[in-house]
Amino acid sequence: MAFYTDAQREMQDAFDSRPLADAVEAAIVAEEIDDGQKAFIESRDFFFLSTVNGSGEPTVSHKGGGVGTVKVLDGKTIAFPAYDGNGMFLSVGNIVDTAKIGLLFIDFETPNRIRVQATAKLHRDDELLSEFPGAIAIVRASVDRVFLNCARYIHVHKRVETSKYVPDEAGQQPHPSWKRIDGLQGALPERDQERTKESG
């Protein structure tokens, strides 16, 4: 499978970068995750996930969790949890729809980043659920491409704290304030309506 599309090649030719693009592809693009990339990916407690629906409309989401929120099962396979959200299910719906995903892992303090392109499938009854307390499903993905990405435009940021909404070891998390909005109560699943009543 060619790494570059015809449109990308057209832009490379327009800006005289085809030889550079070929050199970069040869130097950094691989079809499997190596040990160094595995260590970096599993050291992250968040990533950015891009998906696309059947109409070709993309979306990008920030996915946070504990350190190791993405597991590298082997050089060709990664897995990550799907947690409770706002009920829209844009990312996982797109995964069910088209299966194609992109993941961006960034270290804002060093800085450093890795991109992964993969083909994904959603699993609602997966043995890895026990390793991600609070997860409602697991996404397993077959790696198509992995590559380092130039970090020169990454602004340096310092990490302050972990979100209190990351599920704990028992899978528990605080009830979010937006689920207490009166106008949403009738639309919430029964379990969330009960938690709203309990939390006041």
N, C-alpha and C. Protein backbone atom coordinates (compact mmCIF):
# COMPACT_ATOMS: atom_id res chain seq x y z
N MET A 1 0.84 -1.19 0.00
CA MET A 1 0.00 0.00 0.00
C MET A 1 0.88 1.24 0.00
N ALA A 2 0.67 2.13 -0.96
CA ALA A 2 1.47 3.34 -1.06
C ALA A 2 1.21 4.24 0.14
N PHE A 3 2.26 4.85 0.64
CA PHE A 3 2.11 5.72 1.80
C PHE A 3 1.49 7.06 1.40
N TYR A 4 1.87 7.59 0.26
CA TYR A 4 1.39 8.90 -0.17
C TYR A 4 0.25 8.75 -1.18
N THR A 5 -0.73 9.63 -1.07
CA THR A 5 -1.83 9.65 -2.05
C THR A 5 -1.42 10.50 -3.26
N ASP A 6 -2.22 10.43 -4.31
CA ASP A 6 -1.95 11.23 -5.50
C ASP A 6 -1.98 12.72 -5.18
N ALA A 7 -2.92 13.13 -4.33
CA ALA A 7 -3.02 14.56 -3.96
C ALA A 7 -1.80 15.00 -3.16
N GLN A 8 -1.32 14.15 -2.28
CA GLN A 8 -0.13 14.48 -1.51
C GLN A 8 1.08 14.58 -2.43
N ARG A 9 1.17 13.68 -3.40
CA ARG A 9 2.27 13.75 -4.37
C ARG A 9 2.19 15.04 -5.19
N GLU A 10 0.98 15.44 -5.53
CA GLU A 10 0.81 16.69 -6.29
C GLU A 10 1.34 17.87 -5.49
N MET A 11 1.07 17.90 -4.20
CA MET A 11 1.56 19.00 -3.36
C MET A 11 3.07 18.93 -3.20
N GLN A 12 3.61 17.72 -3.06
CA GLN A 12 5.06 17.58 -2.97
C GLN A 12 5.74 18.12 -4.23
N ASP A 13 5.16 17.82 -5.38
CA ASP A 13 5.73 18.31 -6.63
C ASP A 13 5.59 19.83 -6.75
N ALA A 14 4.46 20.35 -6.28
CA ALA A 14 4.23 21.79 -6.36
C ALA A 14 5.24 22.55 -5.51
N PHE A 15 5.66 21.96 -4.40
CA PHE A 15 6.60 22.64 -3.51
C PHE A 15 7.99 22.00 -3.53
N ASP A 16 8.26 21.21 -4.55
CA ASP A 16 9.58 20.63 -4.77
C ASP A 16 10.08 19.83 -3.56
N SER A 17 9.18 19.00 -3.00
CA SER A 17 9.60 18.23 -1.82
C SER A 17 9.47 16.72 -2.00
N ARG A 18 9.22 16.24 -3.22
CA ARG A 18 9.06 14.80 -3.42
C ARG A 18 10.30 14.02 -2.98
N PRO A 19 11.53 14.43 -3.36
CA PRO A 19 12.69 13.67 -2.89
C PRO A 19 12.81 13.66 -1.37
N LEU A 20 12.49 14.80 -0.74
CA LEU A 20 12.53 14.85 0.72
C LEU A 20 11.47 13.94 1.32
N ALA A 21 10.26 13.99 0.77
CA ALA A 21 9.18 13.13 1.28
C ALA A 21 9.55 11.66 1.16
N ASP A 22 10.19 11.28 0.06
CA ASP A 22 10.62 9.90 -0.11
C ASP A 22 11.69 9.52 0.91
N ALA A 23 12.61 10.45 1.16
CA ALA A 23 13.68 10.19 2.14
C ALA A 23 13.11 10.06 3.55
N VAL A 24 12.15 10.93 3.88
CA VAL A 24 11.54 10.88 5.21
C VAL A 24 10.77 9.57 5.38
N GLU A 25 10.01 9.19 4.36
CA GLU A 25 9.27 7.92 4.45
C GLU A 25 10.23 6.76 4.68
N ALA A 26 11.30 6.71 3.92
CA ALA A 26 12.26 5.62 4.05
C ALA A 26 12.92 5.59 5.43
N ALA A 27 13.10 6.77 6.03
CA ALA A 27 13.81 6.86 7.30
C ALA A 27 12.94 6.59 8.51
N ILE A 28 11.68 6.99 8.48
CA ILE A 28 10.89 6.96 9.72
C ILE A 28 9.61 6.14 9.68
N VAL A 29 9.08 5.81 8.51
CA VAL A 29 7.78 5.13 8.45
C VAL A 29 7.97 3.62 8.50
N ALA A 30 7.24 2.97 9.42
CA ALA A 30 7.32 1.51 9.56
C ALA A 30 5.91 0.94 9.67
N GLU A 31 5.81 -0.37 9.54
CA GLU A 31 4.52 -1.04 9.62
C GLU A 31 4.32 -1.73 10.95
N GLU A 32 5.33 -1.65 11.82
CA GLU A 32 5.21 -2.25 13.15
C GLU A 32 5.80 -1.32 14.19
N ILE A 33 5.29 -1.40 15.39
CA ILE A 33 5.78 -0.62 16.52
C ILE A 33 7.01 -1.31 17.10
N ASP A 34 8.11 -0.56 17.22
CA ASP A 34 9.33 -1.15 17.79
C ASP A 34 9.35 -0.94 19.31
N ASP A 35 10.38 -1.46 19.96
CA ASP A 35 10.44 -1.41 21.42
C ASP A 35 10.49 0.01 21.96
N GLY A 36 11.24 0.90 21.29
CA GLY A 36 11.32 2.28 21.75
C GLY A 36 9.99 2.99 21.61
N GLN A 37 9.30 2.77 20.51
CA GLN A 37 7.98 3.38 20.30
C GLN A 37 6.97 2.82 21.29
N LYS A 38 7.06 1.52 21.57
CA LYS A 38 6.17 0.90 22.56
C LYS A 38 6.35 1.57 23.92
N ALA A 39 7.60 1.77 24.34
CA ALA A 39 7.87 2.39 25.64
C ALA A 39 7.29 3.80 25.69
N PHE A 40 7.43 4.55 24.60
CA PHE A 40 6.90 5.92 24.57
C PHE A 40 5.38 5.90 24.62
N ILE A 41 4.74 5.09 23.78
CA ILE A 41 3.28 5.04 23.73
C ILE A 41 2.71 4.64 25.09
N GLU A 42 3.30 3.64 25.73
CA GLU A 42 2.78 3.16 27.00
C GLU A 42 3.14 4.05 28.18
N SER A 43 3.97 5.07 27.95
CA SER A 43 4.28 6.03 29.01
C SER A 43 3.29 7.21 29.01
N ARG A 44 2.43 7.28 28.00
CA ARG A 44 1.49 8.39 27.86
C ARG A 44 0.21 8.14 28.65
N ASP A 45 -0.36 9.22 29.19
CA ASP A 45 -1.65 9.12 29.87
C ASP A 45 -2.76 9.83 29.08
N PHE A 46 -2.48 10.16 27.85
CA PHE A 46 -3.48 10.71 26.94
C PHE A 46 -2.99 10.55 25.51
N PHE A 47 -3.92 10.70 24.58
CA PHE A 47 -3.57 10.73 23.16
C PHE A 47 -4.70 11.43 22.42
N PHE A 48 -4.43 11.79 21.18
CA PHE A 48 -5.46 12.36 20.33
C PHE A 48 -5.87 11.30 19.31
N LEU A 49 -7.18 11.12 19.16
CA LEU A 49 -7.72 10.08 18.29
C LEU A 49 -8.51 10.72 17.16
N SER A 50 -8.12 10.43 15.93
CA SER A 50 -8.90 10.90 14.77
C SER A 50 -9.65 9.73 14.18
N THR A 51 -10.90 10.00 13.80
CA THR A 51 -11.75 9.00 13.15
C THR A 51 -12.52 9.69 12.04
N VAL A 52 -13.14 8.88 11.19
CA VAL A 52 -13.92 9.44 10.09
C VAL A 52 -15.18 8.60 9.92
N ASN A 53 -16.31 9.28 9.65
CA ASN A 53 -17.55 8.53 9.48
C ASN A 53 -17.73 8.09 8.03
N GLY A 54 -18.82 7.40 7.75
CA GLY A 54 -19.04 6.85 6.43
C GLY A 54 -19.25 7.90 5.36
N SER A 55 -19.53 9.15 5.77
CA SER A 55 -19.70 10.25 4.82
C SER A 55 -18.39 10.99 4.58
N GLY A 56 -17.32 10.51 5.21
CA GLY A 56 -16.02 11.15 5.04
C GLY A 56 -15.78 12.33 5.96
N GLU A 57 -16.66 12.55 6.93
CA GLU A 57 -16.51 13.67 7.86
C GLU A 57 -15.64 13.24 9.04
N PRO A 58 -14.53 13.96 9.29
CA PRO A 58 -13.62 13.57 10.35
C PRO A 58 -13.96 14.22 11.69
N THR A 59 -13.44 13.62 12.74
CA THR A 59 -13.47 14.26 14.04
C THR A 59 -12.19 13.86 14.78
N VAL A 60 -11.77 14.69 15.71
CA VAL A 60 -10.58 14.42 16.52
C VAL A 60 -10.96 14.59 17.98
N SER A 61 -10.57 13.63 18.82
CA SER A 61 -10.89 13.68 20.24
C SER A 61 -9.64 13.52 21.08
N HIS A 62 -9.63 14.21 22.22
CA HIS A 62 -8.60 13.98 23.23
C HIS A 62 -9.07 12.82 24.09
N LYS A 63 -8.21 11.82 24.29
CA LYS A 63 -8.55 10.67 25.11
C LYS A 63 -7.57 10.60 26.27
N GLY A 64 -8.07 10.77 27.47
CA GLY A 64 -7.23 10.74 28.66
C GLY A 64 -7.50 9.52 29.51
N GLY A 65 -6.53 9.14 30.30
CA GLY A 65 -6.66 8.00 31.21
C GLY A 65 -5.45 7.94 32.10
N GLY A 66 -5.16 6.76 32.61
CA GLY A 66 -3.95 6.59 33.39
C GLY A 66 -2.76 6.36 32.47
N VAL A 67 -1.56 6.35 33.05
CA VAL A 67 -0.37 6.03 32.27
C VAL A 67 -0.57 4.64 31.68
N GLY A 68 -0.28 4.50 30.39
CA GLY A 68 -0.51 3.23 29.72
C GLY A 68 -1.93 3.08 29.23
N THR A 69 -2.58 4.20 28.97
CA THR A 69 -3.97 4.13 28.50
C THR A 69 -4.07 3.45 27.14
N VAL A 70 -2.97 3.40 26.40
CA VAL A 70 -2.90 2.57 25.19
C VAL A 70 -1.88 1.46 25.45
N LYS A 71 -2.32 0.23 25.24
CA LYS A 71 -1.42 -0.92 25.40
C LYS A 71 -0.93 -1.38 24.03
N VAL A 72 0.35 -1.65 23.94
CA VAL A 72 0.92 -2.24 22.73
C VAL A 72 0.98 -3.75 22.98
N LEU A 73 0.06 -4.48 22.37
CA LEU A 73 -0.03 -5.92 22.60
C LEU A 73 1.04 -6.68 21.85
N ASP A 74 1.39 -6.19 20.68
CA ASP A 74 2.53 -6.68 19.91
C ASP A 74 2.83 -5.62 18.86
N GLY A 75 3.80 -5.88 18.01
CA GLY A 75 4.23 -4.85 17.06
C GLY A 75 3.15 -4.39 16.10
N LYS A 76 2.12 -5.22 15.91
CA LYS A 76 1.06 -4.89 14.96
C LYS A 76 -0.29 -4.61 15.62
N THR A 77 -0.36 -4.68 16.96
CA THR A 77 -1.66 -4.57 17.63
C THR A 77 -1.60 -3.65 18.84
N ILE A 78 -2.54 -2.71 18.91
CA ILE A 78 -2.68 -1.85 20.08
C ILE A 78 -4.12 -1.97 20.58
N ALA A 79 -4.33 -1.57 21.82
CA ALA A 79 -5.67 -1.58 22.40
C ALA A 79 -5.81 -0.41 23.36
N PHE A 80 -7.02 0.13 23.43
CA PHE A 80 -7.28 1.21 24.37
C PHE A 80 -8.74 1.18 24.80
N PRO A 81 -9.04 1.76 25.98
CA PRO A 81 -10.41 1.71 26.50
C PRO A 81 -11.29 2.82 25.95
N ALA A 82 -12.59 2.53 25.92
CA ALA A 82 -13.61 3.56 25.69
C ALA A 82 -14.29 3.78 27.03
N TYR A 83 -14.30 5.04 27.48
CA TYR A 83 -14.91 5.40 28.77
C TYR A 83 -16.23 6.11 28.55
N ASP A 84 -16.99 6.22 29.62
CA ASP A 84 -18.23 7.00 29.61
C ASP A 84 -17.95 8.42 29.16
N GLY A 85 -18.79 8.95 28.30
CA GLY A 85 -18.61 10.32 27.82
C GLY A 85 -19.92 11.07 27.83
N ASN A 86 -20.15 11.84 26.79
CA ASN A 86 -21.36 12.66 26.73
C ASN A 86 -22.50 12.00 25.96
N GLY A 87 -22.34 10.72 25.66
CA GLY A 87 -23.41 9.98 25.00
C GLY A 87 -23.46 10.14 23.49
N MET A 88 -22.57 10.93 22.91
CA MET A 88 -22.60 11.13 21.45
C MET A 88 -21.96 9.97 20.69
N PHE A 89 -20.96 9.33 21.28
CA PHE A 89 -20.27 8.18 20.68
C PHE A 89 -19.77 8.48 19.27
N LEU A 90 -19.18 9.65 19.09
CA LEU A 90 -18.64 10.02 17.78
C LEU A 90 -17.47 9.12 17.39
N SER A 91 -16.50 8.99 18.27
CA SER A 91 -15.30 8.21 17.93
C SER A 91 -15.63 6.75 17.73
N VAL A 92 -16.29 6.12 18.72
CA VAL A 92 -16.54 4.68 18.59
C VAL A 92 -17.57 4.41 17.49
N GLY A 93 -18.51 5.32 17.28
CA GLY A 93 -19.44 5.16 16.17
C GLY A 93 -18.72 5.19 14.84
N ASN A 94 -17.75 6.09 14.72
CA ASN A 94 -16.96 6.15 13.48
C ASN A 94 -16.10 4.90 13.31
N ILE A 95 -15.60 4.37 14.42
CA ILE A 95 -14.81 3.13 14.34
C ILE A 95 -15.67 1.99 13.82
N VAL A 96 -16.90 1.88 14.33
CA VAL A 96 -17.81 0.86 13.83
C VAL A 96 -18.13 1.11 12.35
N ASP A 97 -18.22 2.39 11.98
CA ASP A 97 -18.60 2.77 10.61
C ASP A 97 -17.50 2.49 9.59
N THR A 98 -16.28 2.99 9.84
CA THR A 98 -15.22 2.90 8.83
C THR A 98 -13.95 2.18 9.29
N ALA A 99 -13.75 2.07 10.59
CA ALA A 99 -12.62 1.35 11.18
C ALA A 99 -11.27 2.06 11.08
N LYS A 100 -11.14 3.09 10.27
CA LYS A 100 -9.85 3.76 10.10
C LYS A 100 -9.64 4.82 11.17
N ILE A 101 -8.48 4.75 11.85
CA ILE A 101 -8.18 5.70 12.92
C ILE A 101 -6.75 6.22 12.79
N GLY A 102 -6.51 7.37 13.39
CA GLY A 102 -5.18 7.92 13.55
C GLY A 102 -4.98 8.28 15.01
N LEU A 103 -3.82 7.97 15.55
CA LEU A 103 -3.52 8.31 16.94
C LEU A 103 -2.26 9.17 16.97
N LEU A 104 -2.29 10.19 17.81
CA LEU A 104 -1.15 11.08 17.99
C LEU A 104 -0.78 11.09 19.46
N PHE A 105 0.45 10.67 19.75
CA PHE A 105 0.98 10.64 21.11
C PHE A 105 2.00 11.76 21.25
N ILE A 106 1.83 12.61 22.27
CA ILE A 106 2.73 13.75 22.43
C ILE A 106 3.27 13.82 23.86
N ASP A 107 4.54 14.13 23.96
CA ASP A 107 5.16 14.55 25.22
C ASP A 107 5.41 16.04 25.08
N PHE A 108 4.63 16.85 25.81
CA PHE A 108 4.74 18.29 25.69
C PHE A 108 5.92 18.85 26.49
N GLU A 109 6.51 18.06 27.35
CA GLU A 109 7.59 18.57 28.19
C GLU A 109 8.95 18.33 27.57
N THR A 110 9.11 17.26 26.76
CA THR A 110 10.44 16.95 26.24
C THR A 110 10.90 17.82 25.08
N PRO A 111 10.14 18.08 23.98
CA PRO A 111 8.93 17.44 23.46
C PRO A 111 9.24 16.31 22.47
N ASN A 112 8.21 15.50 22.21
CA ASN A 112 8.36 14.35 21.31
C ASN A 112 6.97 13.93 20.87
N ARG A 113 6.86 13.26 19.71
CA ARG A 113 5.55 12.75 19.30
C ARG A 113 5.69 11.59 18.32
N ILE A 114 4.68 10.73 18.35
CA ILE A 114 4.58 9.57 17.47
C ILE A 114 3.17 9.51 16.90
N ARG A 115 3.07 9.16 15.62
CA ARG A 115 1.77 8.96 14.98
C ARG A 115 1.58 7.48 14.65
N VAL A 116 0.35 7.03 14.80
CA VAL A 116 -0.01 5.66 14.41
C VAL A 116 -1.26 5.73 13.55
N GLN A 117 -1.23 5.04 12.41
CA GLN A 117 -2.42 4.85 11.57
C GLN A 117 -2.81 3.40 11.70
N ALA A 118 -4.11 3.13 11.92
CA ALA A 118 -4.52 1.76 12.21
C ALA A 118 -5.94 1.49 11.74
N THR A 119 -6.28 0.21 11.76
CA THR A 119 -7.63 -0.25 11.44
C THR A 119 -8.20 -0.88 12.70
N ALA A 120 -9.33 -0.35 13.18
CA ALA A 120 -9.80 -0.66 14.53
C ALA A 120 -11.13 -1.40 14.55
N LYS A 121 -11.37 -2.06 15.68
CA LYS A 121 -12.65 -2.74 15.91
C LYS A 121 -13.03 -2.58 17.38
N LEU A 122 -14.30 -2.31 17.62
CA LEU A 122 -14.82 -2.12 18.98
C LEU A 122 -15.25 -3.46 19.56
N HIS A 123 -14.86 -3.71 20.82
CA HIS A 123 -15.23 -4.94 21.52
C HIS A 123 -15.90 -4.59 22.84
N ARG A 124 -17.15 -4.96 23.00
CA ARG A 124 -17.88 -4.66 24.23
C ARG A 124 -17.69 -5.72 25.31
N ASP A 125 -17.15 -6.87 24.93
CA ASP A 125 -16.90 -7.95 25.88
C ASP A 125 -15.49 -8.47 25.63
N ASP A 126 -14.51 -7.76 26.17
CA ASP A 126 -13.11 -8.04 25.90
C ASP A 126 -12.38 -8.34 27.20
N GLU A 127 -11.46 -9.28 27.16
CA GLU A 127 -10.72 -9.64 28.38
C GLU A 127 -9.93 -8.48 28.96
N LEU A 128 -9.60 -7.48 28.13
CA LEU A 128 -8.84 -6.33 28.63
C LEU A 128 -9.68 -5.36 29.46
N LEU A 129 -10.99 -5.53 29.47
CA LEU A 129 -11.84 -4.64 30.28
C LEU A 129 -11.41 -4.64 31.74
N SER A 130 -10.94 -5.79 32.23
CA SER A 130 -10.52 -5.88 33.63
C SER A 130 -9.27 -5.06 33.92
N GLU A 131 -8.50 -4.74 32.87
CA GLU A 131 -7.28 -3.95 33.05
C GLU A 131 -7.54 -2.46 32.97
N PHE A 132 -8.76 -2.07 32.58
CA PHE A 132 -9.13 -0.67 32.48
C PHE A 132 -10.42 -0.45 33.26
N PRO A 133 -10.35 -0.40 34.60
CA PRO A 133 -11.56 -0.22 35.40
C PRO A 133 -12.35 1.01 34.95
N GLY A 134 -13.66 0.83 34.82
CA GLY A 134 -14.50 1.93 34.39
C GLY A 134 -14.73 1.99 32.89
N ALA A 135 -13.98 1.21 32.12
CA ALA A 135 -14.16 1.22 30.67
C ALA A 135 -15.47 0.53 30.30
N ILE A 136 -16.11 1.01 29.23
CA ILE A 136 -17.35 0.40 28.75
C ILE A 136 -17.11 -0.48 27.53
N ALA A 137 -15.94 -0.38 26.93
CA ALA A 137 -15.58 -1.20 25.77
C ALA A 137 -14.08 -1.07 25.55
N ILE A 138 -13.56 -1.93 24.71
CA ILE A 138 -12.14 -1.90 24.33
C ILE A 138 -12.06 -1.77 22.82
N VAL A 139 -11.16 -0.92 22.36
CA VAL A 139 -10.85 -0.83 20.94
C VAL A 139 -9.53 -1.55 20.70
N ARG A 140 -9.55 -2.52 19.83
CA ARG A 140 -8.32 -3.18 19.39
C ARG A 140 -8.06 -2.73 17.96
N ALA A 141 -6.81 -2.44 17.67
CA ALA A 141 -6.50 -1.91 16.34
C ALA A 141 -5.25 -2.57 15.77
N SER A 142 -5.31 -2.84 14.48
CA SER A 142 -4.18 -3.39 13.74
C SER A 142 -3.40 -2.24 13.14
N VAL A 143 -2.12 -2.17 13.45
CA VAL A 143 -1.26 -1.06 13.01
C VAL A 143 -1.00 -1.15 11.51
N ASP A 144 -1.28 -0.05 10.82
CA ASP A 144 -0.96 0.06 9.40
C ASP A 144 0.37 0.76 9.19
N ARG A 145 0.55 1.88 9.89
CA ARG A 145 1.79 2.67 9.81
C ARG A 145 2.08 3.29 11.18
N VAL A 146 3.35 3.43 11.49
CA VAL A 146 3.78 4.15 12.69
C VAL A 146 5.01 4.96 12.32
N PHE A 147 5.06 6.20 12.83
CA PHE A 147 6.23 7.02 12.52
C PHE A 147 6.40 8.15 13.52
N LEU A 148 7.66 8.49 13.74
CA LEU A 148 8.01 9.67 14.53
C LEU A 148 7.59 10.90 13.76
N ASN A 149 7.40 11.98 14.46
CA ASN A 149 7.01 13.23 13.81
C ASN A 149 7.87 14.35 14.37
N CYS A 150 8.31 15.25 13.50
CA CYS A 150 9.15 16.37 13.93
C CYS A 150 8.48 17.13 15.07
N ALA A 151 9.25 17.43 16.11
CA ALA A 151 8.68 18.06 17.30
C ALA A 151 8.96 19.55 17.39
N ARG A 152 9.50 20.16 16.34
CA ARG A 152 9.97 21.54 16.48
C ARG A 152 8.87 22.56 16.73
N TYR A 153 7.61 22.26 16.34
CA TYR A 153 6.53 23.22 16.56
C TYR A 153 5.69 22.88 17.80
N ILE A 154 6.13 21.92 18.59
CA ILE A 154 5.41 21.59 19.82
C ILE A 154 5.81 22.59 20.90
N HIS A 155 4.84 23.35 21.39
CA HIS A 155 5.10 24.29 22.48
C HIS A 155 5.32 23.51 23.77
N VAL A 156 6.26 23.92 24.56
CA VAL A 156 6.58 23.22 25.81
C VAL A 156 5.55 23.58 26.88
N HIS A 157 4.94 22.55 27.47
CA HIS A 157 3.97 22.73 28.55
C HIS A 157 4.38 21.86 29.73
N LYS A 158 4.01 22.29 30.92
CA LYS A 158 4.25 21.48 32.10
C LYS A 158 2.96 20.81 32.53
N ARG A 159 3.03 19.54 32.88
CA ARG A 159 1.86 18.82 33.38
C ARG A 159 1.59 19.25 34.81
N VAL A 160 0.33 19.54 35.11
CA VAL A 160 -0.02 20.02 36.44
C VAL A 160 -0.63 18.91 37.29
N GLU A 161 -1.66 18.26 36.80
CA GLU A 161 -2.29 17.20 37.59
C GLU A 161 -3.15 16.30 36.70
N THR A 162 -3.47 15.12 37.23
CA THR A 162 -4.35 14.18 36.55
C THR A 162 -5.79 14.60 36.76
N SER A 163 -6.61 14.48 35.73
CA SER A 163 -8.03 14.79 35.87
C SER A 163 -8.66 13.90 36.92
N LYS A 164 -9.49 14.48 37.77
CA LYS A 164 -10.17 13.70 38.82
C LYS A 164 -11.20 12.75 38.23
N TYR A 165 -11.51 12.90 36.95
CA TYR A 165 -12.52 12.06 36.32
C TYR A 165 -11.95 10.79 35.71
N VAL A 166 -10.64 10.61 35.74
CA VAL A 166 -10.05 9.35 35.29
C VAL A 166 -10.49 8.27 36.29
N PRO A 167 -11.13 7.19 35.82
CA PRO A 167 -11.61 6.17 36.77
C PRO A 167 -10.49 5.64 37.65
N ASP A 168 -10.83 5.40 38.93
CA ASP A 168 -9.84 4.87 39.86
C ASP A 168 -9.72 3.36 39.68
N GLU A 169 -8.98 2.70 40.60
CA GLU A 169 -8.73 1.26 40.46
C GLU A 169 -10.01 0.43 40.53
N ALA A 170 -11.05 1.00 41.14
CA ALA A 170 -12.34 0.30 41.21
C ALA A 170 -13.27 0.72 40.08
N GLY A 171 -12.78 1.58 39.19
CA GLY A 171 -13.60 2.05 38.09
C GLY A 171 -14.54 3.19 38.45
N GLN A 172 -14.34 3.77 39.64
CA GLN A 172 -15.21 4.86 40.11
C GLN A 172 -14.65 6.22 39.69
N GLN A 173 -15.57 7.17 39.49
CA GLN A 173 -15.19 8.54 39.16
C GLN A 173 -16.29 9.47 39.65
N PRO A 174 -15.96 10.74 39.90
CA PRO A 174 -16.99 11.69 40.34
C PRO A 174 -18.07 11.85 39.27
N HIS A 175 -19.28 12.14 39.73
CA HIS A 175 -20.39 12.40 38.81
C HIS A 175 -20.18 13.79 38.23
N PRO A 176 -20.08 13.93 36.88
CA PRO A 176 -19.79 15.25 36.31
C PRO A 176 -20.95 16.23 36.50
N SER A 177 -20.60 17.50 36.66
CA SER A 177 -21.61 18.52 36.94
C SER A 177 -22.60 18.67 35.79
N TRP A 178 -22.17 18.45 34.54
CA TRP A 178 -23.10 18.64 33.43
C TRP A 178 -24.23 17.62 33.44
N LYS A 179 -24.01 16.47 34.13
CA LYS A 179 -25.08 15.48 34.23
C LYS A 179 -26.09 15.86 35.32
N ARG A 180 -25.88 17.01 35.96
CA ARG A 180 -26.84 17.51 36.94
C ARG A 180 -27.74 18.60 36.36
N ILE A 181 -27.53 18.96 35.10
CA ILE A 181 -28.34 20.02 34.47
C ILE A 181 -29.78 19.53 34.35
N ASP A 182 -30.71 20.34 34.88
CA ASP A 182 -32.12 19.94 34.92
C ASP A 182 -32.66 19.55 33.55
N GLY A 183 -32.34 20.32 32.53
CA GLY A 183 -32.88 20.08 31.20
C GLY A 183 -32.42 18.79 30.55
N LEU A 184 -31.37 18.17 31.10
CA LEU A 184 -30.85 16.93 30.53
C LEU A 184 -31.33 15.68 31.24
N GLN A 185 -31.98 15.84 32.40
CA GLN A 185 -32.29 14.66 33.22
C GLN A 185 -33.12 13.62 32.48
N GLY A 186 -34.11 14.05 31.72
CA GLY A 186 -34.95 13.10 31.00
C GLY A 186 -34.23 12.37 29.89
N ALA A 187 -33.11 12.92 29.43
CA ALA A 187 -32.35 12.31 28.34
C ALA A 187 -31.24 11.40 28.84
N LEU A 188 -30.90 11.49 30.11
CA LEU A 188 -29.81 10.68 30.66
C LEU A 188 -30.26 9.23 30.83
N PRO A 189 -29.33 8.27 30.68
CA PRO A 189 -29.66 6.89 31.03
C PRO A 189 -30.10 6.81 32.49
N GLU A 190 -30.89 5.82 32.82
CA GLU A 190 -31.43 5.70 34.18
C GLU A 190 -30.34 5.68 35.24
N ARG A 191 -29.22 4.99 34.93
CA ARG A 191 -28.13 4.91 35.92
C ARG A 191 -27.58 6.28 36.26
N ASP A 192 -27.52 7.19 35.26
CA ASP A 192 -27.02 8.54 35.50
C ASP A 192 -28.06 9.39 36.23
N GLN A 193 -29.33 9.18 35.92
CA GLN A 193 -30.38 9.90 36.65
C GLN A 193 -30.34 9.54 38.13
N GLU A 194 -30.11 8.26 38.42
CA GLU A 194 -30.02 7.82 39.82
C GLU A 194 -28.82 8.45 40.51
N ARG A 195 -27.69 8.51 39.82
CA ARG A 195 -26.50 9.14 40.42
C ARG A 195 -26.72 10.63 40.66
N THR A 196 -27.45 11.28 39.77
CA THR A 196 -27.76 12.70 39.97
C THR A 196 -28.60 12.87 41.24
N LYS A 197 -29.59 12.00 41.43
CA LYS A 197 -30.43 12.09 42.64
C LYS A 197 -29.60 11.85 43.88
N GLU A 198 -28.69 10.88 43.81
CA GLU A 198 -27.87 10.54 44.98
C GLU A 198 -26.88 11.64 45.33
N SER A 199 -26.34 12.30 44.29
CA SER A 199 -25.31 13.32 44.53
C SER A 199 -25.90 14.71 44.79
N GLY A 200 -27.19 14.89 44.49
CA GLY A 200 -27.86 16.15 44.77
C GLY A 200 -27.66 17.20 43.71
